[in-house]
Amino acid sequence: LWGRPSQAGEWVDLELPVAAAGRRHVIVYLTKARDYGIVQFHVNGKPLGPTIDCFHRDGVIATGPIDLGVVDLKPATATLRIEVVGTNPKSDGVRFMWGLDCVVLKPSP
C-alpha cells in the first residue's frame, strides 16, 4: 500500500481481520525511500510502537519485519491507523509518503 499524503497529520485507517481473541504482536514490513516521511502506527485508537522514519537516501529498500509491540485483540476486526507525523530534513520531493508491504498479527504468549 502506497500512502501519498501531502502534509503531516494525514492518515489512513485499515481493517485487520482478527480470527480469535488474544494477545498479538503487530509486525509491519515497510518501504523506505528518499521522499518518504515519518509514520506512527495506532491500533484501535492507541499509538503503538515508536515513530518510524521511512527516509532512505539511496533508492527504495524494504525494512524487513518491525515489531510494534503487543496488543489484546477481540474477534472481528481491528483498526490499524498509519499516520504521517513528520518528515526527515534530508527528504526531498513530496516528503511525506510511506509504503506498507505487509502486516502480520503474531500470537504472543
PDB file of N, CA and C in Angstrom:
ATOM      1  N   LEU A   1       0.859  -1.166   0.000  1.00  0.00           N
ATOM      2  CA  LEU A   1       0.000   0.000   0.000  1.00  0.00           C
ATOM      3  C   LEU A   1       0.903   1.225   0.000  1.00  0.00           C
ATOM      4  N   TRP A   2       0.644   2.142  -0.896  1.00  0.00           N
ATOM      5  CA  TRP A   2       1.474   3.337  -1.028  1.00  0.00           C
ATOM      6  C   TRP A   2       0.677   4.533  -0.549  1.00  0.00           C
ATOM      7  N   GLY A   3       1.116   5.137   0.565  1.00  0.00           N
ATOM      8  CA  GLY A   3       0.481   6.340   1.090  1.00  0.00           C
ATOM      9  C   GLY A   3       1.158   7.570   0.521  1.00  0.00           C
ATOM     10  N   ARG A   4       0.341   8.508   0.020  1.00  0.00           N
ATOM     11  CA  ARG A   4       0.892   9.709  -0.597  1.00  0.00           C
ATOM     12  C   ARG A   4       0.313  10.981   0.018  1.00  0.00           C
ATOM     13  N   PRO A   5       0.378  11.117   1.353  1.00  0.00           N
ATOM     14  CA  PRO A   5      -0.145  12.339   1.966  1.00  0.00           C
ATOM     15  C   PRO A   5       0.706  13.544   1.588  1.00  0.00           C
ATOM     16  N   SER A   6       0.085  14.716   1.669  1.00  0.00           N
ATOM     17  CA  SER A   6       0.792  15.939   1.283  1.00  0.00           C
ATOM     18  C   SER A   6       1.318  16.724   2.473  1.00  0.00           C
ATOM     19  N   GLN A   7       0.943  16.283   3.688  1.00  0.00           N
ATOM     20  CA  GLN A   7       1.400  17.010   4.880  1.00  0.00           C
ATOM     21  C   GLN A   7       1.302  16.109   6.105  1.00  0.00           C
ATOM     22  N   ALA A   8       2.007  16.506   7.163  1.00  0.00           N
ATOM     23  CA  ALA A   8       1.931  15.788   8.433  1.00  0.00           C
ATOM     24  C   ALA A   8       0.506  15.882   8.977  1.00  0.00           C
ATOM     25  N   GLY A   9       0.097  14.842   9.689  1.00  0.00           N
ATOM     26  CA  GLY A   9      -1.234  14.813  10.285  1.00  0.00           C
ATOM     27  C   GLY A   9      -2.245  14.027   9.469  1.00  0.00           C
ATOM     28  N   GLU A  10      -1.910  13.680   8.239  1.00  0.00           N
ATOM     29  CA  GLU A  10      -2.833  12.888   7.432  1.00  0.00           C
ATOM     30  C   GLU A  10      -2.653  11.408   7.764  1.00  0.00           C
ATOM     31  N   TRP A  11      -3.739  10.619   7.630  1.00  0.00           N
ATOM     32  CA  TRP A  11      -3.688   9.214   7.992  1.00  0.00           C
ATOM     33  C   TRP A  11      -4.619   8.400   7.111  1.00  0.00           C
ATOM     34  N   VAL A  12      -4.437   7.077   7.222  1.00  0.00           N
ATOM     35  CA  VAL A  12      -5.352   6.124   6.609  1.00  0.00           C
ATOM     36  C   VAL A  12      -5.646   5.051   7.657  1.00  0.00           C
ATOM     37  N   ASP A  13      -6.897   4.597   7.708  1.00  0.00           N
ATOM     38  CA  ASP A  13      -7.300   3.509   8.594  1.00  0.00           C
ATOM     39  C   ASP A  13      -7.517   2.252   7.767  1.00  0.00           C
ATOM     40  N   LEU A  14      -6.977   1.134   8.251  1.00  0.00           N
ATOM     41  CA  LEU A  14      -7.142  -0.161   7.606  1.00  0.00           C
ATOM     42  C   LEU A  14      -7.825  -1.113   8.580  1.00  0.00           C
ATOM     43  N   GLU A  15      -8.683  -1.981   8.065  1.00  0.00           N
ATOM     44  CA  GLU A  15      -9.297  -3.003   8.903  1.00  0.00           C
ATOM     45  C   GLU A  15      -8.445  -4.268   8.839  1.00  0.00           C
ATOM     46  N   LEU A  16      -8.107  -4.780  10.032  1.00  0.00           N
ATOM     47  CA  LEU A  16      -7.353  -6.028  10.112  1.00  0.00           C
ATOM     48  C   LEU A  16      -8.285  -7.115  10.625  1.00  0.00           C
ATOM     49  N   PRO A  17      -8.440  -8.213   9.906  1.00  0.00           N
ATOM     50  CA  PRO A  17      -9.294  -9.294  10.393  1.00  0.00           C
ATOM     51  C   PRO A  17      -8.630  -9.993  11.585  1.00  0.00           C
ATOM     52  N   VAL A  18      -9.420 -10.245  12.628  1.00  0.00           N
ATOM     53  CA  VAL A  18      -8.931 -10.924  13.820  1.00  0.00           C
ATOM     54  C   VAL A  18      -9.797 -12.176  14.002  1.00  0.00           C
ATOM     55  N   ALA A  19      -9.195 -13.352  13.817  1.00  0.00           N
ATOM     56  CA  ALA A  19      -9.948 -14.606  13.847  1.00  0.00           C
ATOM     57  C   ALA A  19     -10.323 -15.025  15.273  1.00  0.00           C
ATOM     58  N   ALA A  20      -9.433 -14.785  16.233  1.00  0.00           N
ATOM     59  CA  ALA A  20      -9.685 -15.222  17.609  1.00  0.00           C
ATOM     60  C   ALA A  20      -9.114 -14.206  18.588  1.00  0.00           C
ATOM     61  N   ALA A  21      -9.724 -14.143  19.760  1.00  0.00           N
ATOM     62  CA  ALA A  21      -9.246 -13.221  20.796  1.00  0.00           C
ATOM     63  C   ALA A  21      -7.860 -13.642  21.270  1.00  0.00           C
ATOM     64  N   GLY A  22      -7.093 -12.647  21.687  1.00  0.00           N
ATOM     65  CA  GLY A  22      -5.778 -12.951  22.244  1.00  0.00           C
ATOM     66  C   GLY A  22      -4.795 -11.825  22.069  1.00  0.00           C
ATOM     67  N   ARG A  23      -3.626 -12.055  22.656  1.00  0.00           N
ATOM     68  CA  ARG A  23      -2.544 -11.080  22.547  1.00  0.00           C
ATOM     69  C   ARG A  23      -1.771 -11.356  21.256  1.00  0.00           C
ATOM     70  N   ARG A  24      -1.500 -10.272  20.522  1.00  0.00           N
ATOM     71  CA  ARG A  24      -0.810 -10.405  19.242  1.00  0.00           C
ATOM     72  C   ARG A  24       0.297  -9.356  19.120  1.00  0.00           C
ATOM     73  N   HIS A  25       1.439  -9.803  18.610  1.00  0.00           N
ATOM     74  CA  HIS A  25       2.465  -8.859  18.175  1.00  0.00           C
ATOM     75  C   HIS A  25       1.977  -8.271  16.858  1.00  0.00           C
ATOM     76  N   VAL A  26       2.078  -6.956  16.711  1.00  0.00           N
ATOM     77  CA  VAL A  26       1.764  -6.307  15.439  1.00  0.00           C
ATOM     78  C   VAL A  26       3.101  -6.062  14.746  1.00  0.00           C
ATOM     79  N   ILE A  27       3.295  -6.755  13.642  1.00  0.00           N
ATOM     80  CA  ILE A  27       4.553  -6.673  12.904  1.00  0.00           C
ATOM     81  C   ILE A  27       4.262  -6.078  11.530  1.00  0.00           C
ATOM     82  N   VAL A  28       5.008  -5.037  11.174  1.00  0.00           N
ATOM     83  CA  VAL A  28       4.829  -4.400   9.872  1.00  0.00           C
ATOM     84  C   VAL A  28       6.113  -4.511   9.066  1.00  0.00           C
ATOM     85  N   TYR A  29       5.931  -4.545   7.761  1.00  0.00           N
ATOM     86  CA  TYR A  29       7.032  -4.508   6.805  1.00  0.00           C
ATOM     87  C   TYR A  29       6.815  -3.259   5.980  1.00  0.00           C
ATOM     88  N   LEU A  30       7.781  -2.360   5.991  1.00  0.00           N
ATOM     89  CA  LEU A  30       7.649  -1.072   5.307  1.00  0.00           C
ATOM     90  C   LEU A  30       8.647  -0.942   4.167  1.00  0.00           C
ATOM     91  N   THR A  31       8.466   0.107   3.401  1.00  0.00           N
ATOM     92  CA  THR A  31       9.401   0.501   2.355  1.00  0.00           C
ATOM     93  C   THR A  31       9.968   1.859   2.737  1.00  0.00           C
ATOM     94  N   LYS A  32      11.247   2.057   2.465  1.00  0.00           N
ATOM     95  CA  LYS A  32      11.889   3.351   2.704  1.00  0.00           C
ATOM     96  C   LYS A  32      12.377   3.911   1.369  1.00  0.00           C
ATOM     97  N   ALA A  33      12.327   5.245   1.245  1.00  0.00           N
ATOM     98  CA  ALA A  33      12.779   5.911   0.021  1.00  0.00           C
ATOM     99  C   ALA A  33      13.161   7.360   0.332  1.00  0.00           C
ATOM    100  N   ARG A  34      13.729   8.048  -0.660  1.00  0.00           N
ATOM    101  CA  ARG A  34      14.267   9.404  -0.461  1.00  0.00           C
ATOM    102  C   ARG A  34      13.199  10.452  -0.192  1.00  0.00           C
ATOM    103  N   ASP A  35      11.940  10.174  -0.561  1.00  0.00           N
ATOM    104  CA  ASP A  35      10.881  11.171  -0.397  1.00  0.00           C
ATOM    105  C   ASP A  35       9.801  10.716   0.588  1.00  0.00           C
ATOM    106  N   TYR A  36      10.177   9.821   1.491  1.00  0.00           N
ATOM    107  CA  TYR A  36       9.217   9.283   2.460  1.00  0.00           C
ATOM    108  C   TYR A  36       9.304  10.021   3.797  1.00  0.00           C
ATOM    109  N   GLY A  37       8.224   9.940   4.561  1.00  0.00           N
ATOM    110  CA  GLY A  37       8.117  10.657   5.824  1.00  0.00           C
ATOM    111  C   GLY A  37       8.311   9.784   7.051  1.00  0.00           C
ATOM    112  N   ILE A  38       7.886  10.322   8.167  1.00  0.00           N
ATOM    113  CA  ILE A  38       7.961   9.648   9.461  1.00  0.00           C
ATOM    114  C   ILE A  38       6.533   9.254   9.841  1.00  0.00           C
ATOM    115  N   VAL A  39       6.332   7.976  10.183  1.00  0.00           N
ATOM    116  CA  VAL A  39       4.987   7.479  10.465  1.00  0.00           C
ATOM    117  C   VAL A  39       4.842   7.001  11.905  1.00  0.00           C
ATOM    118  N   GLN A  40       3.602   7.041  12.369  1.00  0.00           N
ATOM    119  CA  GLN A  40       3.227   6.489  13.671  1.00  0.00           C
ATOM    120  C   GLN A  40       2.056   5.546  13.425  1.00  0.00           C
ATOM    121  N   PHE A  41       2.119   4.360  13.990  1.00  0.00           N
ATOM    122  CA  PHE A  41       1.025   3.397  13.889  1.00  0.00           C
ATOM    123  C   PHE A  41       0.161   3.477  15.136  1.00  0.00           C
ATOM    124  N   HIS A  42      -1.127   3.177  14.952  1.00  0.00           N
ATOM    125  CA  HIS A  42      -2.103   3.109  16.039  1.00  0.00           C
ATOM    126  C   HIS A  42      -2.930   1.849  15.818  1.00  0.00           C
ATOM    127  N   VAL A  43      -3.325   1.205  16.905  1.00  0.00           N
ATOM    128  CA  VAL A  43      -4.266   0.095  16.822  1.00  0.00           C
ATOM    129  C   VAL A  43      -5.447   0.425  17.717  1.00  0.00           C
ATOM    130  N   ASN A  44      -6.622   0.430  17.109  1.00  0.00           N
ATOM    131  CA  ASN A  44      -7.861   0.760  17.822  1.00  0.00           C
ATOM    132  C   ASN A  44      -7.746   2.063  18.610  1.00  0.00           C
ATOM    133  N   GLY A  45      -7.116   3.052  17.990  1.00  0.00           N
ATOM    134  CA  GLY A  45      -7.041   4.387  18.571  1.00  0.00           C
ATOM    135  C   GLY A  45      -5.877   4.646  19.501  1.00  0.00           C
ATOM    136  N   LYS A  46      -5.045   3.637  19.772  1.00  0.00           N
ATOM    137  CA  LYS A  46      -3.916   3.820  20.698  1.00  0.00           C
ATOM    138  C   LYS A  46      -2.601   3.736  19.932  1.00  0.00           C
ATOM    139  N   PRO A  47      -1.695   4.699  20.163  1.00  0.00           N
ATOM    140  CA  PRO A  47      -0.388   4.636  19.492  1.00  0.00           C
ATOM    141  C   PRO A  47       0.325   3.327  19.825  1.00  0.00           C
ATOM    142  N   LEU A  48       1.025   2.789  18.850  1.00  0.00           N
ATOM    143  CA  LEU A  48       1.729   1.529  19.039  1.00  0.00           C
ATOM    144  C   LEU A  48       3.127   1.658  18.459  1.00  0.00           C
ATOM    145  N   GLY A  49       4.111   1.360  19.286  1.00  0.00           N
ATOM    146  CA  GLY A  49       5.495   1.419  18.848  1.00  0.00           C
ATOM    147  C   GLY A  49       5.990   2.847  18.710  1.00  0.00           C
ATOM    148  N   PRO A  50       7.269   2.986  18.380  1.00  0.00           N
ATOM    149  CA  PRO A  50       7.854   4.315  18.176  1.00  0.00           C
ATOM    150  C   PRO A  50       7.491   4.853  16.794  1.00  0.00           C
ATOM    151  N   THR A  51       7.757   6.133  16.569  1.00  0.00           N
ATOM    152  CA  THR A  51       7.639   6.652  15.208  1.00  0.00           C
ATOM    153  C   THR A  51       8.743   6.002  14.369  1.00  0.00           C
ATOM    154  N   ILE A  52       8.477   5.875  13.079  1.00  0.00           N
ATOM    155  CA  ILE A  52       9.428   5.221  12.187  1.00  0.00           C
ATOM    156  C   ILE A  52       9.749   6.172  11.041  1.00  0.00           C
ATOM    157  N   ASP A  53      11.027   6.483  10.901  1.00  0.00           N
ATOM    158  CA  ASP A  53      11.497   7.346   9.821  1.00  0.00           C
ATOM    159  C   ASP A  53      11.681   6.491   8.570  1.00  0.00           C
ATOM    160  N   CYS A  54      10.897   6.748   7.554  1.00  0.00           N
ATOM    161  CA  CYS A  54      10.920   5.951   6.326  1.00  0.00           C
ATOM    162  C   CYS A  54      11.827   6.547   5.251  1.00  0.00           C
ATOM    163  N   PHE A  55      12.689   7.481   5.626  1.00  0.00           N
ATOM    164  CA  PHE A  55      13.638   8.073   4.681  1.00  0.00           C
ATOM    165  C   PHE A  55      14.792   7.111   4.428  1.00  0.00           C
ATOM    166  N   HIS A  56      15.189   6.997   3.154  1.00  0.00           N
ATOM    167  CA  HIS A  56      16.403   6.293   2.766  1.00  0.00           C
ATOM    168  C   HIS A  56      16.964   6.996   1.542  1.00  0.00           C
ATOM    169  N   ARG A  57      18.163   7.502   1.650  1.00  0.00           N
ATOM    170  CA  ARG A  57      18.762   8.348   0.617  1.00  0.00           C
ATOM    171  C   ARG A  57      18.934   7.659  -0.729  1.00  0.00           C
ATOM    172  N   ASP A  58      19.402   6.426  -0.732  1.00  0.00           N
ATOM    173  CA  ASP A  58      19.809   5.775  -1.976  1.00  0.00           C
ATOM    174  C   ASP A  58      18.825   4.695  -2.401  1.00  0.00           C
ATOM    175  N   GLY A  59      17.834   5.067  -3.188  1.00  0.00           N
ATOM    176  CA  GLY A  59      16.901   4.097  -3.733  1.00  0.00           C
ATOM    177  C   GLY A  59      15.820   3.670  -2.754  1.00  0.00           C
ATOM    178  N   VAL A  60      15.072   2.684  -3.166  1.00  0.00           N
ATOM    179  CA  VAL A  60      13.969   2.156  -2.376  1.00  0.00           C
ATOM    180  C   VAL A  60      14.425   0.844  -1.747  1.00  0.00           C
ATOM    181  N   ILE A  61      14.182   0.694  -0.435  1.00  0.00           N
ATOM    182  CA  ILE A  61      14.561  -0.535   0.260  1.00  0.00           C
ATOM    183  C   ILE A  61      13.399  -1.030   1.117  1.00  0.00           C
ATOM    184  N   ALA A  62      13.419  -2.312   1.411  1.00  0.00           N
ATOM    185  CA  ALA A  62      12.454  -2.910   2.334  1.00  0.00           C
ATOM    186  C   ALA A  62      13.062  -2.931   3.737  1.00  0.00           C
ATOM    187  N   THR A  63      12.238  -2.706   4.740  1.00  0.00           N
ATOM    188  CA  THR A  63      12.738  -2.674   6.121  1.00  0.00           C
ATOM    189  C   THR A  63      12.920  -4.048   6.729  1.00  0.00           C
ATOM    190  N   GLY A  64      12.203  -5.042   6.221  1.00  0.00           N
ATOM    191  CA  GLY A  64      12.128  -6.299   6.954  1.00  0.00           C
ATOM    192  C   GLY A  64      11.124  -6.108   8.087  1.00  0.00           C
ATOM    193  N   PRO A  65      10.963  -7.099   8.956  1.00  0.00           N
ATOM    194  CA  PRO A  65       9.932  -7.019   9.998  1.00  0.00           C
ATOM    195  C   PRO A  65      10.260  -5.982  11.070  1.00  0.00           C
ATOM    196  N   ILE A  66       9.237  -5.195  11.441  1.00  0.00           N
ATOM    197  CA  ILE A  66       9.342  -4.238  12.549  1.00  0.00           C
ATOM    198  C   ILE A  66       8.235  -4.588  13.536  1.00  0.00           C
ATOM    199  N   ASP A  67       8.607  -5.054  14.727  1.00  0.00           N
ATOM    200  CA  ASP A  67       7.637  -5.425  15.755  1.00  0.00           C
ATOM    201  C   ASP A  67       7.230  -4.166  16.513  1.00  0.00           C
ATOM    202  N   LEU A  68       5.965  -3.785  16.377  1.00  0.00           N
ATOM    203  CA  LEU A  68       5.468  -2.562  17.019  1.00  0.00           C
ATOM    204  C   LEU A  68       5.047  -2.779  18.465  1.00  0.00           C
ATOM    205  N   GLY A  69       4.937  -4.026  18.884  1.00  0.00           N
ATOM    206  CA  GLY A  69       4.523  -4.315  20.249  1.00  0.00           C
ATOM    207  C   GLY A  69       3.337  -5.263  20.266  1.00  0.00           C
ATOM    208  N   VAL A  70       2.815  -5.480  21.478  1.00  0.00           N
ATOM    209  CA  VAL A  70       1.742  -6.444  21.689  1.00  0.00           C
ATOM    210  C   VAL A  70       0.450  -5.729  22.045  1.00  0.00           C
ATOM    211  N   VAL A  71      -0.660  -6.209  21.460  1.00  0.00           N
ATOM    212  CA  VAL A  71      -1.987  -5.670  21.768  1.00  0.00           C
ATOM    213  C   VAL A  71      -2.938  -6.826  22.070  1.00  0.00           C
ATOM    214  N   ASP A  72      -3.950  -6.561  22.885  1.00  0.00           N
ATOM    215  CA  ASP A  72      -5.028  -7.512  23.125  1.00  0.00           C
ATOM    216  C   ASP A  72      -6.110  -7.247  22.092  1.00  0.00           C
ATOM    217  N   LEU A  73      -6.474  -8.275  21.349  1.00  0.00           N
ATOM    218  CA  LEU A  73      -7.475  -8.108  20.302  1.00  0.00           C
ATOM    219  C   LEU A  73      -8.654  -9.038  20.535  1.00  0.00           C
ATOM    220  N   LYS A  74      -9.819  -8.602  20.084  1.00  0.00           N
ATOM    221  CA  LYS A  74     -11.039  -9.397  20.144  1.00  0.00           C
ATOM    222  C   LYS A  74     -11.384  -9.853  18.733  1.00  0.00           C
ATOM    223  N   PRO A  75     -12.131 -10.959  18.613  1.00  0.00           N
ATOM    224  CA  PRO A  75     -12.507 -11.415  17.271  1.00  0.00           C
ATOM    225  C   PRO A  75     -13.330 -10.358  16.548  1.00  0.00           C
ATOM    226  N   ALA A  76     -13.167 -10.257  15.281  1.00  0.00           N
ATOM    227  CA  ALA A  76     -13.848  -9.319  14.370  1.00  0.00           C
ATOM    228  C   ALA A  76     -12.775  -8.600  13.578  1.00  0.00           C
ATOM    229  N   THR A  77     -12.721  -7.272  13.723  1.00  0.00           N
ATOM    230  CA  THR A  77     -11.679  -6.512  13.035  1.00  0.00           C
ATOM    231  C   THR A  77     -11.048  -5.529  14.009  1.00  0.00           C
ATOM    232  N   ALA A  78      -9.799  -5.227  13.758  1.00  0.00           N
ATOM    233  CA  ALA A  78      -9.084  -4.188  14.494  1.00  0.00           C
ATOM    234  C   ALA A  78      -8.765  -3.087  13.490  1.00  0.00           C
ATOM    235  N   THR A  79      -8.675  -1.862  13.981  1.00  0.00           N
ATOM    236  CA  THR A  79      -8.350  -0.737  13.107  1.00  0.00           C
ATOM    237  C   THR A  79      -6.873  -0.384  13.264  1.00  0.00           C
ATOM    238  N   LEU A  80      -6.156  -0.457  12.166  1.00  0.00           N
ATOM    239  CA  LEU A  80      -4.754  -0.050  12.121  1.00  0.00           C
ATOM    240  C   LEU A  80      -4.692   1.290  11.423  1.00  0.00           C
ATOM    241  N   ARG A  81      -4.230   2.307  12.132  1.00  0.00           N
ATOM    242  CA  ARG A  81      -4.057   3.632  11.542  1.00  0.00           C
ATOM    243  C   ARG A  81      -2.583   3.864  11.259  1.00  0.00           C
ATOM    244  N   ILE A  82      -2.313   4.374  10.070  1.00  0.00           N
ATOM    245  CA  ILE A  82      -0.969   4.799   9.695  1.00  0.00           C
ATOM    246  C   ILE A  82      -1.047   6.314   9.526  1.00  0.00           C
ATOM    247  N   GLU A  83      -0.334   7.027  10.395  1.00  0.00           N
ATOM    248  CA  GLU A  83      -0.367   8.489  10.380  1.00  0.00           C
ATOM    249  C   GLU A  83       1.025   9.021  10.076  1.00  0.00           C
ATOM    250  N   VAL A  84       1.118   9.936   9.131  1.00  0.00           N
ATOM    251  CA  VAL A  84       2.401  10.582   8.879  1.00  0.00           C
ATOM    252  C   VAL A  84       2.514  11.744   9.865  1.00  0.00           C
ATOM    253  N   VAL A  85       3.592  11.737  10.644  1.00  0.00           N
ATOM    254  CA  VAL A  85       3.736  12.731  11.720  1.00  0.00           C
ATOM    255  C   VAL A  85       4.837  13.746  11.446  1.00  0.00           C
ATOM    256  N   GLY A  86       5.575  13.542  10.361  1.00  0.00           N
ATOM    257  CA  GLY A  86       6.642  14.488  10.033  1.00  0.00           C
ATOM    258  C   GLY A  86       7.448  13.972   8.859  1.00  0.00           C
ATOM    259  N   THR A  87       8.591  14.601   8.675  1.00  0.00           N
ATOM    260  CA  THR A  87       9.473  14.188   7.585  1.00  0.00           C
ATOM    261  C   THR A  87      10.920  14.399   8.001  1.00  0.00           C
ATOM    262  N   ASN A  88      11.791  13.624   7.439  1.00  0.00           N
ATOM    263  CA  ASN A  88      13.218  13.765   7.681  1.00  0.00           C
ATOM    264  C   ASN A  88      13.701  15.013   6.949  1.00  0.00           C
ATOM    265  N   PRO A  89      14.524  15.851   7.580  1.00  0.00           N
ATOM    266  CA  PRO A  89      15.017  17.064   6.905  1.00  0.00           C
ATOM    267  C   PRO A  89      15.794  16.767   5.615  1.00  0.00           C
ATOM    268  N   LYS A  90      16.316  15.556   5.483  1.00  0.00           N
ATOM    269  CA  LYS A  90      17.070  15.189   4.273  1.00  0.00           C
ATOM    270  C   LYS A  90      16.150  14.726   3.144  1.00  0.00           C
ATOM    271  N   SER A  91      14.887  14.491   3.446  1.00  0.00           N
ATOM    272  CA  SER A  91      13.937  14.006   2.453  1.00  0.00           C
ATOM    273  C   SER A  91      13.695  15.070   1.388  1.00  0.00           C
ATOM    274  N   ASP A  92      13.370  14.624   0.168  1.00  0.00           N
ATOM    275  CA  ASP A  92      13.051  15.585  -0.893  1.00  0.00           C
ATOM    276  C   ASP A  92      11.790  15.147  -1.628  1.00  0.00           C
ATOM    277  N   GLY A  93      11.329  15.955  -2.540  1.00  0.00           N
ATOM    278  CA  GLY A  93      10.110  15.639  -3.269  1.00  0.00           C
ATOM    279  C   GLY A  93       8.879  15.853  -2.397  1.00  0.00           C
ATOM    280  N   VAL A  94       7.957  14.919  -2.450  1.00  0.00           N
ATOM    281  CA  VAL A  94       6.716  15.037  -1.676  1.00  0.00           C
ATOM    282  C   VAL A  94       6.996  15.016  -0.171  1.00  0.00           C
ATOM    283  N   ARG A  95       7.934  14.204   0.282  1.00  0.00           N
ATOM    284  CA  ARG A  95       8.482  14.182   1.638  1.00  0.00           C
ATOM    285  C   ARG A  95       7.616  13.529   2.709  1.00  0.00           C
ATOM    286  N   PHE A  96       6.383  13.185   2.456  1.00  0.00           N
ATOM    287  CA  PHE A  96       5.512  12.632   3.495  1.00  0.00           C
ATOM    288  C   PHE A  96       4.980  11.245   3.134  1.00  0.00           C
ATOM    289  N   MET A  97       5.433  10.657   2.047  1.00  0.00           N
ATOM    290  CA  MET A  97       4.897   9.373   1.599  1.00  0.00           C
ATOM    291  C   MET A  97       5.398   8.233   2.491  1.00  0.00           C
ATOM    292  N   TRP A  98       4.785   7.084   2.338  1.00  0.00           N
ATOM    293  CA  TRP A  98       5.208   5.862   3.024  1.00  0.00           C
ATOM    294  C   TRP A  98       4.731   4.669   2.214  1.00  0.00           C
ATOM    295  N   GLY A  99       5.346   3.515   2.449  1.00  0.00           N
ATOM    296  CA  GLY A  99       4.945   2.276   1.791  1.00  0.00           C
ATOM    297  C   GLY A  99       4.792   1.170   2.813  1.00  0.00           C
ATOM    298  N   LEU A 100       3.648   0.518   2.808  1.00  0.00           N
ATOM    299  CA  LEU A 100       3.374  -0.612   3.700  1.00  0.00           C
ATOM    300  C   LEU A 100       3.297  -1.872   2.846  1.00  0.00           C
ATOM    301  N   ASP A 101       4.193  -2.813   3.095  1.00  0.00           N
ATOM    302  CA  ASP A 101       4.235  -4.045   2.321  1.00  0.00           C
ATOM    303  C   ASP A 101       3.409  -5.165   2.945  1.00  0.00           C
ATOM    304  N   CYS A 102       3.374  -5.220   4.278  1.00  0.00           N
ATOM    305  CA  CYS A 102       2.717  -6.355   4.925  1.00  0.00           C
ATOM    306  C   CYS A 102       2.450  -6.046   6.388  1.00  0.00           C
ATOM    307  N   VAL A 103       1.380  -6.625   6.924  1.00  0.00           N
ATOM    308  CA  VAL A 103       1.073  -6.577   8.359  1.00  0.00           C
ATOM    309  C   VAL A 103       0.861  -8.008   8.825  1.00  0.00           C
ATOM    310  N   VAL A 104       1.502  -8.370   9.923  1.00  0.00           N
ATOM    311  CA  VAL A 104       1.371  -9.708  10.500  1.00  0.00           C
ATOM    312  C   VAL A 104       0.905  -9.556  11.943  1.00  0.00           C
ATOM    313  N   LEU A 105      -0.121 -10.326  12.310  1.00  0.00           N
ATOM    314  CA  LEU A 105      -0.562 -10.413  13.708  1.00  0.00           C
ATOM    315  C   LEU A 105      -0.089 -11.755  14.239  1.00  0.00           C
ATOM    316  N   LYS A 106       0.979 -11.740  15.031  1.00  0.00           N
ATOM    317  CA  LYS A 106       1.615 -12.970  15.507  1.00  0.00           C
ATOM    318  C   LYS A 106       1.198 -13.231  16.954  1.00  0.00           C
ATOM    319  N   PRO A 107       0.676 -14.421  17.246  1.00  0.00           N
ATOM    320  CA  PRO A 107       0.285 -14.732  18.633  1.00  0.00           C
ATOM    321  C   PRO A 107       1.435 -14.503  19.616  1.00  0.00           C
ATOM    322  N   SER A 108       1.072 -13.990  20.776  1.00  0.00           N
ATOM    323  CA  SER A 108       2.043 -13.719  21.837  1.00  0.00           C
ATOM    324  C   SER A 108       1.629 -14.502  23.073  1.00  0.00           C
ATOM    325  N   PRO A 109       2.578 -15.140  23.719  1.00  0.00           N
ATOM    326  CA  PRO A 109       2.236 -15.912  24.934  1.00  0.00           C
ATOM    327  C   PRO A 109       1.741 -15.022  26.066  1.00  0.00           C
TER     328      PRO A 109
END
